[in-house]
PDB file of N, CA and C in Angstrom:
ATOM      1  N   MET A   1      -0.692 -13.844  -1.197  1.00  0.00           N
ATOM      2  CA  MET A   1      -0.683 -12.398  -1.214  1.00  0.00           C
ATOM      3  C   MET A   1      -1.894 -11.826  -0.484  1.00  0.00           C
ATOM      4  N   SER A   2      -2.833 -12.602  -0.099  1.00  0.00           N
ATOM      5  CA  SER A   2      -4.064 -12.081   0.480  1.00  0.00           C
ATOM      6  C   SER A   2      -4.014 -11.975   2.002  1.00  0.00           C
ATOM      7  N   ASN A   3      -2.858 -11.680   2.562  1.00  0.00           N
ATOM      8  CA  ASN A   3      -2.791 -11.446   3.998  1.00  0.00           C
ATOM      9  C   ASN A   3      -3.481 -10.125   4.331  1.00  0.00           C
ATOM     10  N   SER A   4      -3.833  -9.927   5.574  1.00  0.00           N
ATOM     11  CA  SER A   4      -4.567  -8.736   5.996  1.00  0.00           C
ATOM     12  C   SER A   4      -3.630  -7.584   6.319  1.00  0.00           C
ATOM     13  N   TRP A   5      -4.205  -6.398   6.325  1.00  0.00           N
ATOM     14  CA  TRP A   5      -3.499  -5.231   6.822  1.00  0.00           C
ATOM     15  C   TRP A   5      -3.385  -5.386   8.332  1.00  0.00           C
ATOM     16  N   THR A   6      -2.229  -5.048   8.880  1.00  0.00           N
ATOM     17  CA  THR A   6      -2.047  -5.089  10.323  1.00  0.00           C
ATOM     18  C   THR A   6      -1.759  -3.676  10.822  1.00  0.00           C
ATOM     19  N   GLN A   7      -2.047  -3.459  12.084  1.00  0.00           N
ATOM     20  CA  GLN A   7      -1.706  -2.189  12.709  1.00  0.00           C
ATOM     21  C   GLN A   7      -0.466  -2.396  13.559  1.00  0.00           C
ATOM     22  N   GLN A   8       0.583  -1.656  13.218  1.00  0.00           N
ATOM     23  CA  GLN A   8       1.847  -1.733  13.952  1.00  0.00           C
ATOM     24  C   GLN A   8       2.407  -0.321  14.092  1.00  0.00           C
ATOM     25  N   ARG A   9       2.784   0.046  15.286  1.00  0.00           N
ATOM     26  CA  ARG A   9       3.428   1.342  15.534  1.00  0.00           C
ATOM     27  C   ARG A   9       2.637   2.519  14.941  1.00  0.00           C
ATOM     28  N   GLY A  10       1.304   2.452  15.043  1.00  0.00           N
ATOM     29  CA  GLY A  10       0.473   3.543  14.558  1.00  0.00           C
ATOM     30  C   GLY A  10       0.359   3.623  13.052  1.00  0.00           C
ATOM     31  N   LYS A  11       0.576   2.503  12.363  1.00  0.00           N
ATOM     32  CA  LYS A  11       0.506   2.465  10.898  1.00  0.00           C
ATOM     33  C   LYS A  11      -0.259   1.225  10.456  1.00  0.00           C
ATOM     34  N   LEU A  12      -0.916   1.340   9.297  1.00  0.00           N
ATOM     35  CA  LEU A  12      -1.467   0.161   8.633  1.00  0.00           C
ATOM     36  C   LEU A  12      -0.370  -0.382   7.738  1.00  0.00           C
ATOM     37  N   ILE A  13      -0.063  -1.670   7.858  1.00  0.00           N
ATOM     38  CA  ILE A  13       1.056  -2.256   7.121  1.00  0.00           C
ATOM     39  C   ILE A  13       0.600  -3.535   6.431  1.00  0.00           C
ATOM     40  N   LYS A  14       1.046  -3.699   5.194  1.00  0.00           N
ATOM     41  CA  LYS A  14       0.774  -4.942   4.476  1.00  0.00           C
ATOM     42  C   LYS A  14       1.944  -5.259   3.556  1.00  0.00           C
ATOM     43  N   ARG A  15       2.252  -6.550   3.489  1.00  0.00           N
ATOM     44  CA  ARG A  15       3.330  -7.072   2.640  1.00  0.00           C
ATOM     45  C   ARG A  15       2.683  -7.794   1.455  1.00  0.00           C
ATOM     46  N   PHE A  16       3.162  -7.488   0.268  1.00  0.00           N
ATOM     47  CA  PHE A  16       2.672  -8.096  -0.964  1.00  0.00           C
ATOM     48  C   PHE A  16       3.836  -8.812  -1.643  1.00  0.00           C
ATOM     49  N   GLN A  17       3.571  -9.983  -2.172  1.00  0.00           N
ATOM     50  CA  GLN A  17       4.609 -10.750  -2.861  1.00  0.00           C
ATOM     51  C   GLN A  17       4.128 -11.025  -4.287  1.00  0.00           C
ATOM     52  N   PHE A  18       5.022 -10.838  -5.245  1.00  0.00           N
ATOM     53  CA  PHE A  18       4.707 -11.003  -6.657  1.00  0.00           C
ATOM     54  C   PHE A  18       5.643 -12.018  -7.284  1.00  0.00           C
ATOM     55  N   LYS A  19       5.362 -12.393  -8.533  1.00  0.00           N
ATOM     56  CA  LYS A  19       6.177 -13.428  -9.165  1.00  0.00           C
ATOM     57  C   LYS A  19       7.580 -12.930  -9.505  1.00  0.00           C
ATOM     58  N   ASP A  20       7.717 -11.613  -9.739  1.00  0.00           N
ATOM     59  CA  ASP A  20       9.034 -11.073 -10.077  1.00  0.00           C
ATOM     60  C   ASP A  20       9.044  -9.559  -9.862  1.00  0.00           C
ATOM     61  N   PHE A  21      10.201  -8.948 -10.113  1.00  0.00           N
ATOM     62  CA  PHE A  21      10.360  -7.516  -9.908  1.00  0.00           C
ATOM     63  C   PHE A  21       9.452  -6.711 -10.833  1.00  0.00           C
ATOM     64  N   LYS A  22       9.318  -7.155 -12.072  1.00  0.00           N
ATOM     65  CA  LYS A  22       8.504  -6.422 -13.040  1.00  0.00           C
ATOM     66  C   LYS A  22       7.054  -6.308 -12.559  1.00  0.00           C
ATOM     67  N   GLU A  23       6.503  -7.393 -12.022  1.00  0.00           N
ATOM     68  CA  GLU A  23       5.139  -7.362 -11.510  1.00  0.00           C
ATOM     69  C   GLU A  23       5.043  -6.478 -10.259  1.00  0.00           C
ATOM     70  N   ALA A  24       6.048  -6.550  -9.396  1.00  0.00           N
ATOM     71  CA  ALA A  24       6.068  -5.703  -8.203  1.00  0.00           C
ATOM     72  C   ALA A  24       6.105  -4.225  -8.601  1.00  0.00           C
ATOM     73  N   LEU A  25       6.903  -3.906  -9.608  1.00  0.00           N
ATOM     74  CA  LEU A  25       7.011  -2.520 -10.065  1.00  0.00           C
ATOM     75  C   LEU A  25       5.698  -2.032 -10.672  1.00  0.00           C
ATOM     76  N   ALA A  26       5.014  -2.885 -11.419  1.00  0.00           N
ATOM     77  CA  ALA A  26       3.711  -2.508 -11.975  1.00  0.00           C
ATOM     78  C   ALA A  26       2.721  -2.212 -10.848  1.00  0.00           C
ATOM     79  N   PHE A  27       2.766  -3.025  -9.799  1.00  0.00           N
ATOM     80  CA  PHE A  27       1.905  -2.793  -8.635  1.00  0.00           C
ATOM     81  C   PHE A  27       2.236  -1.460  -7.980  1.00  0.00           C
ATOM     82  N   ILE A  28       3.518  -1.177  -7.793  1.00  0.00           N
ATOM     83  CA  ILE A  28       3.932   0.090  -7.191  1.00  0.00           C
ATOM     84  C   ILE A  28       3.411   1.266  -8.010  1.00  0.00           C
ATOM     85  N   ASN A  29       3.517   1.169  -9.323  1.00  0.00           N
ATOM     86  CA  ASN A  29       3.020   2.246 -10.182  1.00  0.00           C
ATOM     87  C   ASN A  29       1.503   2.400 -10.060  1.00  0.00           C
ATOM     88  N   ALA A  30       0.785   1.280  -9.955  1.00  0.00           N
ATOM     89  CA  ALA A  30      -0.663   1.342  -9.781  1.00  0.00           C
ATOM     90  C   ALA A  30      -1.018   1.983  -8.432  1.00  0.00           C
ATOM     91  N   VAL A  31      -0.284   1.616  -7.389  1.00  0.00           N
ATOM     92  CA  VAL A  31      -0.497   2.228  -6.075  1.00  0.00           C
ATOM     93  C   VAL A  31      -0.213   3.729  -6.149  1.00  0.00           C
ATOM     94  N   GLY A  32       0.805   4.106  -6.885  1.00  0.00           N
ATOM     95  CA  GLY A  32       1.125   5.525  -7.049  1.00  0.00           C
ATOM     96  C   GLY A  32      -0.011   6.307  -7.680  1.00  0.00           C
ATOM     97  N   GLU A  33      -0.667   5.717  -8.667  1.00  0.00           N
ATOM     98  CA  GLU A  33      -1.813   6.378  -9.303  1.00  0.00           C
ATOM     99  C   GLU A  33      -2.961   6.562  -8.315  1.00  0.00           C
ATOM    100  N   ILE A  34      -3.219   5.525  -7.530  1.00  0.00           N
ATOM    101  CA  ILE A  34      -4.278   5.611  -6.516  1.00  0.00           C
ATOM    102  C   ILE A  34      -3.923   6.685  -5.491  1.00  0.00           C
ATOM    103  N   ALA A  35      -2.688   6.668  -5.031  1.00  0.00           N
ATOM    104  CA  ALA A  35      -2.242   7.643  -4.023  1.00  0.00           C
ATOM    105  C   ALA A  35      -2.385   9.067  -4.541  1.00  0.00           C
ATOM    106  N   GLU A  36      -2.014   9.284  -5.790  1.00  0.00           N
ATOM    107  CA  GLU A  36      -2.154  10.622  -6.375  1.00  0.00           C
ATOM    108  C   GLU A  36      -3.623  11.034  -6.443  1.00  0.00           C
ATOM    109  N   SER A  37      -4.490  10.099  -6.818  1.00  0.00           N
ATOM    110  CA  SER A  37      -5.907  10.447  -6.946  1.00  0.00           C
ATOM    111  C   SER A  37      -6.523  10.815  -5.601  1.00  0.00           C
ATOM    112  N   LEU A  38      -6.007  10.226  -4.514  1.00  0.00           N
ATOM    113  CA  LEU A  38      -6.502  10.539  -3.173  1.00  0.00           C
ATOM    114  C   LEU A  38      -5.679  11.620  -2.471  1.00  0.00           C
ATOM    115  N   ASN A  39      -4.573  12.028  -3.107  1.00  0.00           N
ATOM    116  CA  ASN A  39      -3.619  12.960  -2.511  1.00  0.00           C
ATOM    117  C   ASN A  39      -3.206  12.477  -1.113  1.00  0.00           C
ATOM    118  N   HIS A  40      -2.897  11.192  -1.042  1.00  0.00           N
ATOM    119  CA  HIS A  40      -2.479  10.557   0.213  1.00  0.00           C
ATOM    120  C   HIS A  40      -1.464   9.483  -0.151  1.00  0.00           C
ATOM    121  N   HIS A  41      -0.257   9.599   0.331  1.00  0.00           N
ATOM    122  CA  HIS A  41       0.851   8.810  -0.191  1.00  0.00           C
ATOM    123  C   HIS A  41       1.449   7.875   0.857  1.00  0.00           C
ATOM    124  N   PRO A  42       1.589   6.596   0.502  1.00  0.00           N
ATOM    125  CA  PRO A  42       2.124   5.615   1.447  1.00  0.00           C
ATOM    126  C   PRO A  42       3.651   5.594   1.434  1.00  0.00           C
ATOM    127  N   LYS A  43       4.200   5.004   2.448  1.00  0.00           N
ATOM    128  CA  LYS A  43       5.611   4.628   2.423  1.00  0.00           C
ATOM    129  C   LYS A  43       5.661   3.305   1.677  1.00  0.00           C
ATOM    130  N   ILE A  44       6.527   3.223   0.676  1.00  0.00           N
ATOM    131  CA  ILE A  44       6.644   2.027  -0.151  1.00  0.00           C
ATOM    132  C   ILE A  44       8.060   1.484  -0.020  1.00  0.00           C
ATOM    133  N   ILE A  45       8.156   0.217   0.360  1.00  0.00           N
ATOM    134  CA  ILE A  45       9.451  -0.455   0.481  1.00  0.00           C
ATOM    135  C   ILE A  45       9.432  -1.615  -0.513  1.00  0.00           C
ATOM    136  N   ASN A  46      10.432  -1.678  -1.373  1.00  0.00           N
ATOM    137  CA  ASN A  46      10.493  -2.726  -2.388  1.00  0.00           C
ATOM    138  C   ASN A  46      11.842  -3.413  -2.365  1.00  0.00           C
ATOM    139  N   VAL A  47      11.800  -4.744  -2.291  1.00  0.00           N
ATOM    140  CA  VAL A  47      12.994  -5.571  -2.469  1.00  0.00           C
ATOM    141  C   VAL A  47      12.599  -6.679  -3.437  1.00  0.00           C
ATOM    142  N   TYR A  48      13.134  -6.620  -4.628  1.00  0.00           N
ATOM    143  CA  TYR A  48      12.884  -7.541  -5.723  1.00  0.00           C
ATOM    144  C   TYR A  48      11.385  -7.751  -5.945  1.00  0.00           C
ATOM    145  N   ASN A  49      10.815  -8.881  -5.501  1.00  0.00           N
ATOM    146  CA  ASN A  49       9.408  -9.167  -5.789  1.00  0.00           C
ATOM    147  C   ASN A  49       8.488  -8.910  -4.592  1.00  0.00           C
ATOM    148  N   THR A  50       8.992  -8.259  -3.580  1.00  0.00           N
ATOM    149  CA  THR A  50       8.222  -7.987  -2.369  1.00  0.00           C
ATOM    150  C   THR A  50       8.028  -6.480  -2.197  1.00  0.00           C
ATOM    151  N   VAL A  51       6.798  -6.106  -1.884  1.00  0.00           N
ATOM    152  CA  VAL A  51       6.461  -4.702  -1.641  1.00  0.00           C
ATOM    153  C   VAL A  51       5.794  -4.626  -0.272  1.00  0.00           C
ATOM    154  N   VAL A  52       6.258  -3.713   0.561  1.00  0.00           N
ATOM    155  CA  VAL A  52       5.631  -3.451   1.846  1.00  0.00           C
ATOM    156  C   VAL A  52       5.091  -2.024   1.809  1.00  0.00           C
ATOM    157  N   LEU A  53       3.813  -1.884   2.147  1.00  0.00           N
ATOM    158  CA  LEU A  53       3.197  -0.561   2.211  1.00  0.00           C
ATOM    159  C   LEU A  53       2.912  -0.207   3.659  1.00  0.00           C
ATOM    160  N   GLU A  54       3.205   1.029   4.018  1.00  0.00           N
ATOM    161  CA  GLU A  54       2.894   1.556   5.344  1.00  0.00           C
ATOM    162  C   GLU A  54       2.030   2.792   5.149  1.00  0.00           C
ATOM    163  N   LEU A  55       0.855   2.784   5.761  1.00  0.00           N
ATOM    164  CA  LEU A  55      -0.085   3.895   5.637  1.00  0.00           C
ATOM    165  C   LEU A  55      -0.309   4.541   6.991  1.00  0.00           C
ATOM    166  N   TRP A  56      -0.207   5.851   7.036  1.00  0.00           N
ATOM    167  CA  TRP A  56      -0.581   6.633   8.212  1.00  0.00           C
ATOM    168  C   TRP A  56      -0.686   8.080   7.767  1.00  0.00           C
ATOM    169  N   THR A  57      -1.457   8.842   8.502  1.00  0.00           N
ATOM    170  CA  THR A  57      -1.645  10.251   8.167  1.00  0.00           C
ATOM    171  C   THR A  57      -0.567  11.042   8.886  1.00  0.00           C
ATOM    172  N   HIS A  58       0.351  11.572   8.111  1.00  0.00           N
ATOM    173  CA  HIS A  58       1.562  12.186   8.646  1.00  0.00           C
ATOM    174  C   HIS A  58       1.275  13.361   9.578  1.00  0.00           C
ATOM    175  N   ASP A  59       0.339  14.234   9.190  1.00  0.00           N
ATOM    176  CA  ASP A  59       0.115  15.415  10.031  1.00  0.00           C
ATOM    177  C   ASP A  59      -0.608  15.077  11.335  1.00  0.00           C
ATOM    178  N   GLN A  60      -1.210  13.889  11.417  1.00  0.00           N
ATOM    179  CA  GLN A  60      -1.833  13.441  12.665  1.00  0.00           C
ATOM    180  C   GLN A  60      -0.960  12.415  13.385  1.00  0.00           C
ATOM    181  N   ASN A  61       0.052  11.916  12.673  1.00  0.00           N
ATOM    182  CA  ASN A  61       0.914  10.844  13.164  1.00  0.00           C
ATOM    183  C   ASN A  61       0.089   9.684  13.724  1.00  0.00           C
ATOM    184  N   ALA A  62      -0.954   9.325  12.958  1.00  0.00           N
ATOM    185  CA  ALA A  62      -1.873   8.261  13.367  1.00  0.00           C
ATOM    186  C   ALA A  62      -2.597   7.739  12.131  1.00  0.00           C
ATOM    187  N   ILE A  63      -3.304   6.649  12.306  1.00  0.00           N
ATOM    188  CA  ILE A  63      -4.133   6.090  11.240  1.00  0.00           C
ATOM    189  C   ILE A  63      -5.448   6.855  11.205  1.00  0.00           C
ATOM    190  N   SER A  64      -5.841   7.285  10.014  1.00  0.00           N
ATOM    191  CA  SER A  64      -7.088   8.031   9.859  1.00  0.00           C
ATOM    192  C   SER A  64      -7.998   7.310   8.861  1.00  0.00           C
ATOM    193  N   ALA A  65      -9.190   7.864   8.672  1.00  0.00           N
ATOM    194  CA  ALA A  65     -10.140   7.302   7.710  1.00  0.00           C
ATOM    195  C   ALA A  65      -9.546   7.296   6.306  1.00  0.00           C
ATOM    196  N   LEU A  66      -8.721   8.270   5.992  1.00  0.00           N
ATOM    197  CA  LEU A  66      -8.093   8.336   4.671  1.00  0.00           C
ATOM    198  C   LEU A  66      -7.155   7.146   4.449  1.00  0.00           C
ATOM    199  N   ASP A  67      -6.486   6.693   5.496  1.00  0.00           N
ATOM    200  CA  ASP A  67      -5.616   5.518   5.378  1.00  0.00           C
ATOM    201  C   ASP A  67      -6.438   4.273   5.059  1.00  0.00           C
ATOM    202  N   HIS A  68      -7.578   4.139   5.711  1.00  0.00           N
ATOM    203  CA  HIS A  68      -8.457   2.995   5.434  1.00  0.00           C
ATOM    204  C   HIS A  68      -9.012   3.079   4.009  1.00  0.00           C
ATOM    205  N   GLN A  69      -9.319   4.289   3.565  1.00  0.00           N
ATOM    206  CA  GLN A  69      -9.812   4.490   2.198  1.00  0.00           C
ATOM    207  C   GLN A  69      -8.734   4.082   1.193  1.00  0.00           C
ATOM    208  N   LEU A  70      -7.502   4.486   1.439  1.00  0.00           N
ATOM    209  CA  LEU A  70      -6.398   4.120   0.554  1.00  0.00           C
ATOM    210  C   LEU A  70      -6.183   2.612   0.561  1.00  0.00           C
ATOM    211  N   ALA A  71      -6.213   1.987   1.716  1.00  0.00           N
ATOM    212  CA  ALA A  71      -6.039   0.534   1.811  1.00  0.00           C
ATOM    213  C   ALA A  71      -7.123  -0.193   1.007  1.00  0.00           C
ATOM    214  N   GLU A  72      -8.355   0.258   1.110  1.00  0.00           N
ATOM    215  CA  GLU A  72      -9.454  -0.367   0.366  1.00  0.00           C
ATOM    216  C   GLU A  72      -9.262  -0.202  -1.139  1.00  0.00           C
ATOM    217  N   ALA A  73      -8.823   0.967  -1.558  1.00  0.00           N
ATOM    218  CA  ALA A  73      -8.580   1.198  -2.986  1.00  0.00           C
ATOM    219  C   ALA A  73      -7.436   0.316  -3.486  1.00  0.00           C
ATOM    220  N   ILE A  74      -6.410   0.142  -2.690  1.00  0.00           N
ATOM    221  CA  ILE A  74      -5.294  -0.733  -3.061  1.00  0.00           C
ATOM    222  C   ILE A  74      -5.778  -2.174  -3.171  1.00  0.00           C
ATOM    223  N   GLU A  75      -6.614  -2.609  -2.239  1.00  0.00           N
ATOM    224  CA  GLU A  75      -7.153  -3.976  -2.284  1.00  0.00           C
ATOM    225  C   GLU A  75      -7.935  -4.217  -3.575  1.00  0.00           C
ATOM    226  N   ARG A  76      -8.706  -3.240  -3.998  1.00  0.00           N
ATOM    227  CA  ARG A  76      -9.446  -3.379  -5.277  1.00  0.00           C
ATOM    228  C   ARG A  76      -8.468  -3.489  -6.436  1.00  0.00           C
ATOM    229  N   GLN A  77      -7.367  -2.740  -6.374  1.00  0.00           N
ATOM    230  CA  GLN A  77      -6.384  -2.728  -7.456  1.00  0.00           C
ATOM    231  C   GLN A  77      -5.650  -4.064  -7.571  1.00  0.00           C
ATOM    232  N   ILE A  78      -5.333  -4.686  -6.468  1.00  0.00           N
ATOM    233  CA  ILE A  78      -4.490  -5.900  -6.536  1.00  0.00           C
ATOM    234  C   ILE A  78      -5.230  -7.083  -7.146  1.00  0.00           C
ATOM    235  N   LYS A  79      -6.521  -6.993  -7.283  1.00  0.00           N
ATOM    236  CA  LYS A  79      -7.254  -8.088  -7.912  1.00  0.00           C
ATOM    237  C   LYS A  79      -6.806  -8.283  -9.359  1.00  0.00           C
ATOM    238  N   GLY A  80      -6.193  -7.251  -9.946  1.00  0.00           N
ATOM    239  CA  GLY A  80      -5.681  -7.360 -11.315  1.00  0.00           C
ATOM    240  C   GLY A  80      -4.297  -7.963 -11.404  1.00  0.00           C
ATOM    241  N   PHE A  81      -3.694  -8.291 -10.266  1.00  0.00           N
ATOM    242  CA  PHE A  81      -2.336  -8.836 -10.260  1.00  0.00           C
ATOM    243  C   PHE A  81      -2.357 -10.308  -9.928  1.00  0.00           C
TER     244      PHE A  81
END
């Protein structure tokens, strides 16, 4: 699960894999709390135990400092999973 964030098509993207859907859903909820606290919301794609996050600043249609801040906060959060 410790792969790096990549830049693709003007977005920061990372794939996370969990032991099951329940753990993936808990992660999604934790990411949601972080996103709300920063008022910056990722695109979240979930299929069973896999979660893909895409971060970019919509009004700039580019990666901004806020996207990097969100990615760092998510990285701190996943240490609990």
